[in-house]
């Protein structure tokens, strides 16, 4: 299945449908069933102790899978997360952006499953790993 939405189309979708958060994320790469998304880490993303908060890393994983799915199926804004498992493995650098590398493992008519590795910029080892399942809305004719 070819890519239906490139980075520019995904950016336009975020600007239109999610203006409250679109400026947090940069879509760096879109390929068939793969996407790389950067979170521009700011002070508001940090927790006490000078690290990026878990909810912020969850948001990056969730947005990455969501955009990866939309890249393949087109702008279906009502696709929703039905399950998430996330492992926080290392403390991310507070002064560095986070990079999510997402691969869609399954892309069916009703469900999609994606794996995400999250890295601190310029650090080789991942700081978190997540697997998410999404429900894809049915076609309405």
C-alpha atoms as a PDB file:
ATOM      1  CA  UNK A   1       0.000   0.000   0.000  1.00  0.00           C
ATOM      2  CA  UNK A   2       1.528   3.347  -0.996  1.00  0.00           C
ATOM      3  CA  UNK A   3       1.760   6.351   1.308  1.00  0.00           C
ATOM      4  CA  UNK A   4      -1.456   8.407   1.138  1.00  0.00           C
ATOM      5  CA  UNK A   5      -0.260  11.473   3.098  1.00  0.00           C
ATOM      6  CA  UNK A   6       3.281  12.841   3.023  1.00  0.00           C
ATOM      7  CA  UNK A   7       4.849  14.995   5.741  1.00  0.00           C
ATOM      8  CA  UNK A   8       3.333  18.213   4.347  1.00  0.00           C
ATOM      9  CA  UNK A   9      -0.175  16.709   4.218  1.00  0.00           C
ATOM     10  CA  UNK A  10       0.173  15.350   7.763  1.00  0.00           C
ATOM     11  CA  UNK A  11       1.376  18.768   8.990  1.00  0.00           C
ATOM     12  CA  UNK A  12      -1.622  20.447   7.350  1.00  0.00           C
ATOM     13  CA  UNK A  13      -3.938  17.893   8.987  1.00  0.00           C
ATOM     14  CA  UNK A  14      -2.435  18.604  12.436  1.00  0.00           C
ATOM     15  CA  UNK A  15      -2.677  22.362  11.902  1.00  0.00           C
ATOM     16  CA  UNK A  16      -6.342  22.053  10.957  1.00  0.00           C
ATOM     17  CA  UNK A  17      -7.558  19.361  13.388  1.00  0.00           C
ATOM     18  CA  UNK A  18      -5.138  19.660  16.343  1.00  0.00           C
ATOM     19  CA  UNK A  19      -3.942  23.289  16.424  1.00  0.00           C
ATOM     20  CA  UNK A  20      -3.529  23.110  20.223  1.00  0.00           C
ATOM     21  CA  UNK A  21      -0.588  20.701  19.936  1.00  0.00           C
ATOM     22  CA  UNK A  22       0.672  20.657  16.376  1.00  0.00           C
ATOM     23  CA  UNK A  23       3.580  22.983  17.113  1.00  0.00           C
ATOM     24  CA  UNK A  24       5.100  20.415  19.514  1.00  0.00           C
ATOM     25  CA  UNK A  25       5.867  17.916  16.761  1.00  0.00           C
ATOM     26  CA  UNK A  26       8.000  17.828  13.611  1.00  0.00           C
ATOM     27  CA  UNK A  27       7.392  15.081  11.064  1.00  0.00           C
ATOM     28  CA  UNK A  28      10.886  14.228   9.899  1.00  0.00           C
ATOM     29  CA  UNK A  29      10.334  11.206   7.654  1.00  0.00           C
ATOM     30  CA  UNK A  30       7.388   9.341   6.151  1.00  0.00           C
ATOM     31  CA  UNK A  31       7.845   6.003   4.415  1.00  0.00           C
ATOM     32  CA  UNK A  32       5.570   3.061   3.778  1.00  0.00           C
ATOM     33  CA  UNK A  33       4.480   1.856   7.260  1.00  0.00           C
ATOM     34  CA  UNK A  34       7.223   3.929   8.959  1.00  0.00           C
ATOM     35  CA  UNK A  35       7.433   7.457  10.313  1.00  0.00           C
ATOM     36  CA  UNK A  36       9.899   9.500  12.352  1.00  0.00           C
ATOM     37  CA  UNK A  37       8.516  12.277  14.554  1.00  0.00           C
ATOM     38  CA  UNK A  38      10.443  14.765  16.696  1.00  0.00           C
ATOM     39  CA  UNK A  39       9.117  16.306  19.887  1.00  0.00           C
ATOM     40  CA  UNK A  40      10.579  19.749  20.460  1.00  0.00           C
ATOM     41  CA  UNK A  41      11.223  19.456  24.201  1.00  0.00           C
ATOM     42  CA  UNK A  42      10.443  22.593  26.171  1.00  0.00           C
ATOM     43  CA  UNK A  43      10.339  23.448  29.872  1.00  0.00           C
ATOM     44  CA  UNK A  44       6.646  22.494  30.093  1.00  0.00           C
ATOM     45  CA  UNK A  45       7.529  18.899  29.091  1.00  0.00           C
ATOM     46  CA  UNK A  46       9.837  18.412  32.078  1.00  0.00           C
ATOM     47  CA  UNK A  47       9.100  16.922  35.471  1.00  0.00           C
ATOM     48  CA  UNK A  48      10.928  17.510  38.750  1.00  0.00           C
ATOM     49  CA  UNK A  49      14.423  16.104  38.559  1.00  0.00           C
ATOM     50  CA  UNK A  50      15.095  17.569  35.137  1.00  0.00           C
ATOM     51  CA  UNK A  51      13.771  14.816  32.895  1.00  0.00           C
ATOM     52  CA  UNK A  52      11.066  14.622  30.253  1.00  0.00           C
ATOM     53  CA  UNK A  53       7.796  13.454  31.812  1.00  0.00           C
ATOM     54  CA  UNK A  54       6.255  10.070  31.109  1.00  0.00           C
ATOM     55  CA  UNK A  55       2.999  11.590  29.808  1.00  0.00           C
ATOM     56  CA  UNK A  56       5.044  13.623  27.324  1.00  0.00           C
ATOM     57  CA  UNK A  57       6.781  10.480  26.051  1.00  0.00           C
ATOM     58  CA  UNK A  58       3.416   8.711  25.845  1.00  0.00           C
ATOM     59  CA  UNK A  59       2.048  11.606  23.782  1.00  0.00           C
ATOM     60  CA  UNK A  60       4.982  11.345  21.370  1.00  0.00           C
ATOM     61  CA  UNK A  61       4.465   7.592  20.943  1.00  0.00           C
ATOM     62  CA  UNK A  62       0.713   8.034  20.481  1.00  0.00           C
ATOM     63  CA  UNK A  63       1.022  10.859  17.948  1.00  0.00           C
ATOM     64  CA  UNK A  64       3.674   8.918  16.026  1.00  0.00           C
ATOM     65  CA  UNK A  65       1.486   5.841  15.575  1.00  0.00           C
ATOM     66  CA  UNK A  66      -1.540   8.009  14.763  1.00  0.00           C
ATOM     67  CA  UNK A  67       0.364   9.901  12.068  1.00  0.00           C
ATOM     68  CA  UNK A  68       1.907   6.681  10.758  1.00  0.00           C
ATOM     69  CA  UNK A  69      -1.562   5.231  10.296  1.00  0.00           C
ATOM     70  CA  UNK A  70      -2.924   8.388   8.653  1.00  0.00           C
ATOM     71  CA  UNK A  71       0.062   8.455   6.308  1.00  0.00           C
ATOM     72  CA  UNK A  72      -1.110   5.077   5.010  1.00  0.00           C
ATOM     73  CA  UNK A  73      -4.929   5.386   5.078  1.00  0.00           C
ATOM     74  CA  UNK A  74      -5.514   9.110   4.627  1.00  0.00           C
ATOM     75  CA  UNK A  75      -7.067  11.738   6.921  1.00  0.00           C
ATOM     76  CA  UNK A  76      -9.356   9.686   9.173  1.00  0.00           C
ATOM     77  CA  UNK A  77      -9.381  11.861  12.260  1.00  0.00           C
ATOM     78  CA  UNK A  78     -11.550   9.464  14.263  1.00  0.00           C
ATOM     79  CA  UNK A  79      -8.946   6.685  14.460  1.00  0.00           C
ATOM     80  CA  UNK A  80      -8.472   6.165  18.202  1.00  0.00           C
ATOM     81  CA  UNK A  81      -6.044   4.462  20.559  1.00  0.00           C
ATOM     82  CA  UNK A  82      -7.496   1.280  22.067  1.00  0.00           C
ATOM     83  CA  UNK A  83      -4.398  -0.011  23.872  1.00  0.00           C
ATOM     84  CA  UNK A  84      -0.906   1.110  24.819  1.00  0.00           C
ATOM     85  CA  UNK A  85       2.017  -0.502  26.555  1.00  0.00           C
ATOM     86  CA  UNK A  86       5.061   1.652  27.224  1.00  0.00           C
ATOM     87  CA  UNK A  87       8.392   0.830  28.842  1.00  0.00           C
ATOM     88  CA  UNK A  88      10.496   3.692  30.183  1.00  0.00           C
ATOM     89  CA  UNK A  89      14.057   2.380  29.936  1.00  0.00           C
ATOM     90  CA  UNK A  90      16.405   5.322  30.507  1.00  0.00           C
ATOM     91  CA  UNK A  91      16.241   8.896  31.696  1.00  0.00           C
ATOM     92  CA  UNK A  92      15.923  11.152  28.658  1.00  0.00           C
ATOM     93  CA  UNK A  93      18.141  14.195  28.416  1.00  0.00           C
ATOM     94  CA  UNK A  94      16.177  17.268  29.547  1.00  0.00           C
ATOM     95  CA  UNK A  95      17.930  19.575  27.100  1.00  0.00           C
ATOM     96  CA  UNK A  96      17.453  17.407  24.004  1.00  0.00           C
ATOM     97  CA  UNK A  97      14.551  16.789  21.660  1.00  0.00           C
ATOM     98  CA  UNK A  98      12.982  13.342  21.602  1.00  0.00           C
ATOM     99  CA  UNK A  99      12.845  11.359  18.373  1.00  0.00           C
ATOM    100  CA  UNK A 100      10.224   8.638  17.825  1.00  0.00           C
ATOM    101  CA  UNK A 101      10.803   5.957  15.211  1.00  0.00           C
ATOM    102  CA  UNK A 102       7.523   4.194  14.487  1.00  0.00           C
ATOM    103  CA  UNK A 103       6.850   1.029  12.487  1.00  0.00           C
ATOM    104  CA  UNK A 104       3.361  -0.195  11.753  1.00  0.00           C
ATOM    105  CA  UNK A 105       3.319  -3.920  12.438  1.00  0.00           C
ATOM    106  CA  UNK A 106      -0.288  -4.439  11.344  1.00  0.00           C
ATOM    107  CA  UNK A 107      -2.511  -2.259   9.233  1.00  0.00           C
ATOM    108  CA  UNK A 108      -5.903  -3.873   8.792  1.00  0.00           C
ATOM    109  CA  UNK A 109      -9.356  -2.545   7.935  1.00  0.00           C
ATOM    110  CA  UNK A 110     -10.355  -2.231  11.610  1.00  0.00           C
ATOM    111  CA  UNK A 111      -7.163  -2.365  13.712  1.00  0.00           C
ATOM    112  CA  UNK A 112      -3.608  -1.126  13.404  1.00  0.00           C
ATOM    113  CA  UNK A 113      -0.653  -1.947  15.652  1.00  0.00           C
ATOM    114  CA  UNK A 114       2.516   0.133  15.833  1.00  0.00           C
ATOM    115  CA  UNK A 115       5.837  -0.169  17.633  1.00  0.00           C
ATOM    116  CA  UNK A 116       7.722   2.975  18.655  1.00  0.00           C
ATOM    117  CA  UNK A 117      11.268   3.476  19.883  1.00  0.00           C
ATOM    118  CA  UNK A 118      11.902   6.877  21.476  1.00  0.00           C
ATOM    119  CA  UNK A 119      15.403   8.334  21.607  1.00  0.00           C
ATOM    120  CA  UNK A 120      16.942  11.445  23.096  1.00  0.00           C
ATOM    121  CA  UNK A 121      18.564  13.349  20.259  1.00  0.00           C
ATOM    122  CA  UNK A 122      22.153  12.193  19.622  1.00  0.00           C
ATOM    123  CA  UNK A 123      21.891   9.240  22.068  1.00  0.00           C
ATOM    124  CA  UNK A 124      22.165   5.731  20.581  1.00  0.00           C
ATOM    125  CA  UNK A 125      20.126   3.807  23.168  1.00  0.00           C
ATOM    126  CA  UNK A 126      16.330   4.263  23.301  1.00  0.00           C
ATOM    127  CA  UNK A 127      14.781   5.921  26.348  1.00  0.00           C
ATOM    128  CA  UNK A 128      11.368   4.272  25.868  1.00  0.00           C
ATOM    129  CA  UNK A 129       9.570   1.629  23.826  1.00  0.00           C
ATOM    130  CA  UNK A 130       5.838   1.538  23.186  1.00  0.00           C
ATOM    131  CA  UNK A 131       3.337  -0.646  21.369  1.00  0.00           C
ATOM    132  CA  UNK A 132      -0.034   0.872  20.529  1.00  0.00           C
ATOM    133  CA  UNK A 133      -3.212  -0.491  18.986  1.00  0.00           C
ATOM    134  CA  UNK A 134      -5.614   1.787  17.131  1.00  0.00           C
ATOM    135  CA  UNK A 135      -9.180   1.288  16.034  1.00  0.00           C
ATOM    136  CA  UNK A 136      -9.778   2.546  12.504  1.00  0.00           C
ATOM    137  CA  UNK A 137     -13.272   3.912  11.810  1.00  0.00           C
ATOM    138  CA  UNK A 138     -15.318   2.075   9.172  1.00  0.00           C
ATOM    139  CA  UNK A 139     -15.937   3.588   5.761  1.00  0.00           C
ATOM    140  CA  UNK A 140     -19.350   5.262   5.655  1.00  0.00           C
ATOM    141  CA  UNK A 141     -20.929   5.248   2.221  1.00  0.00           C
END
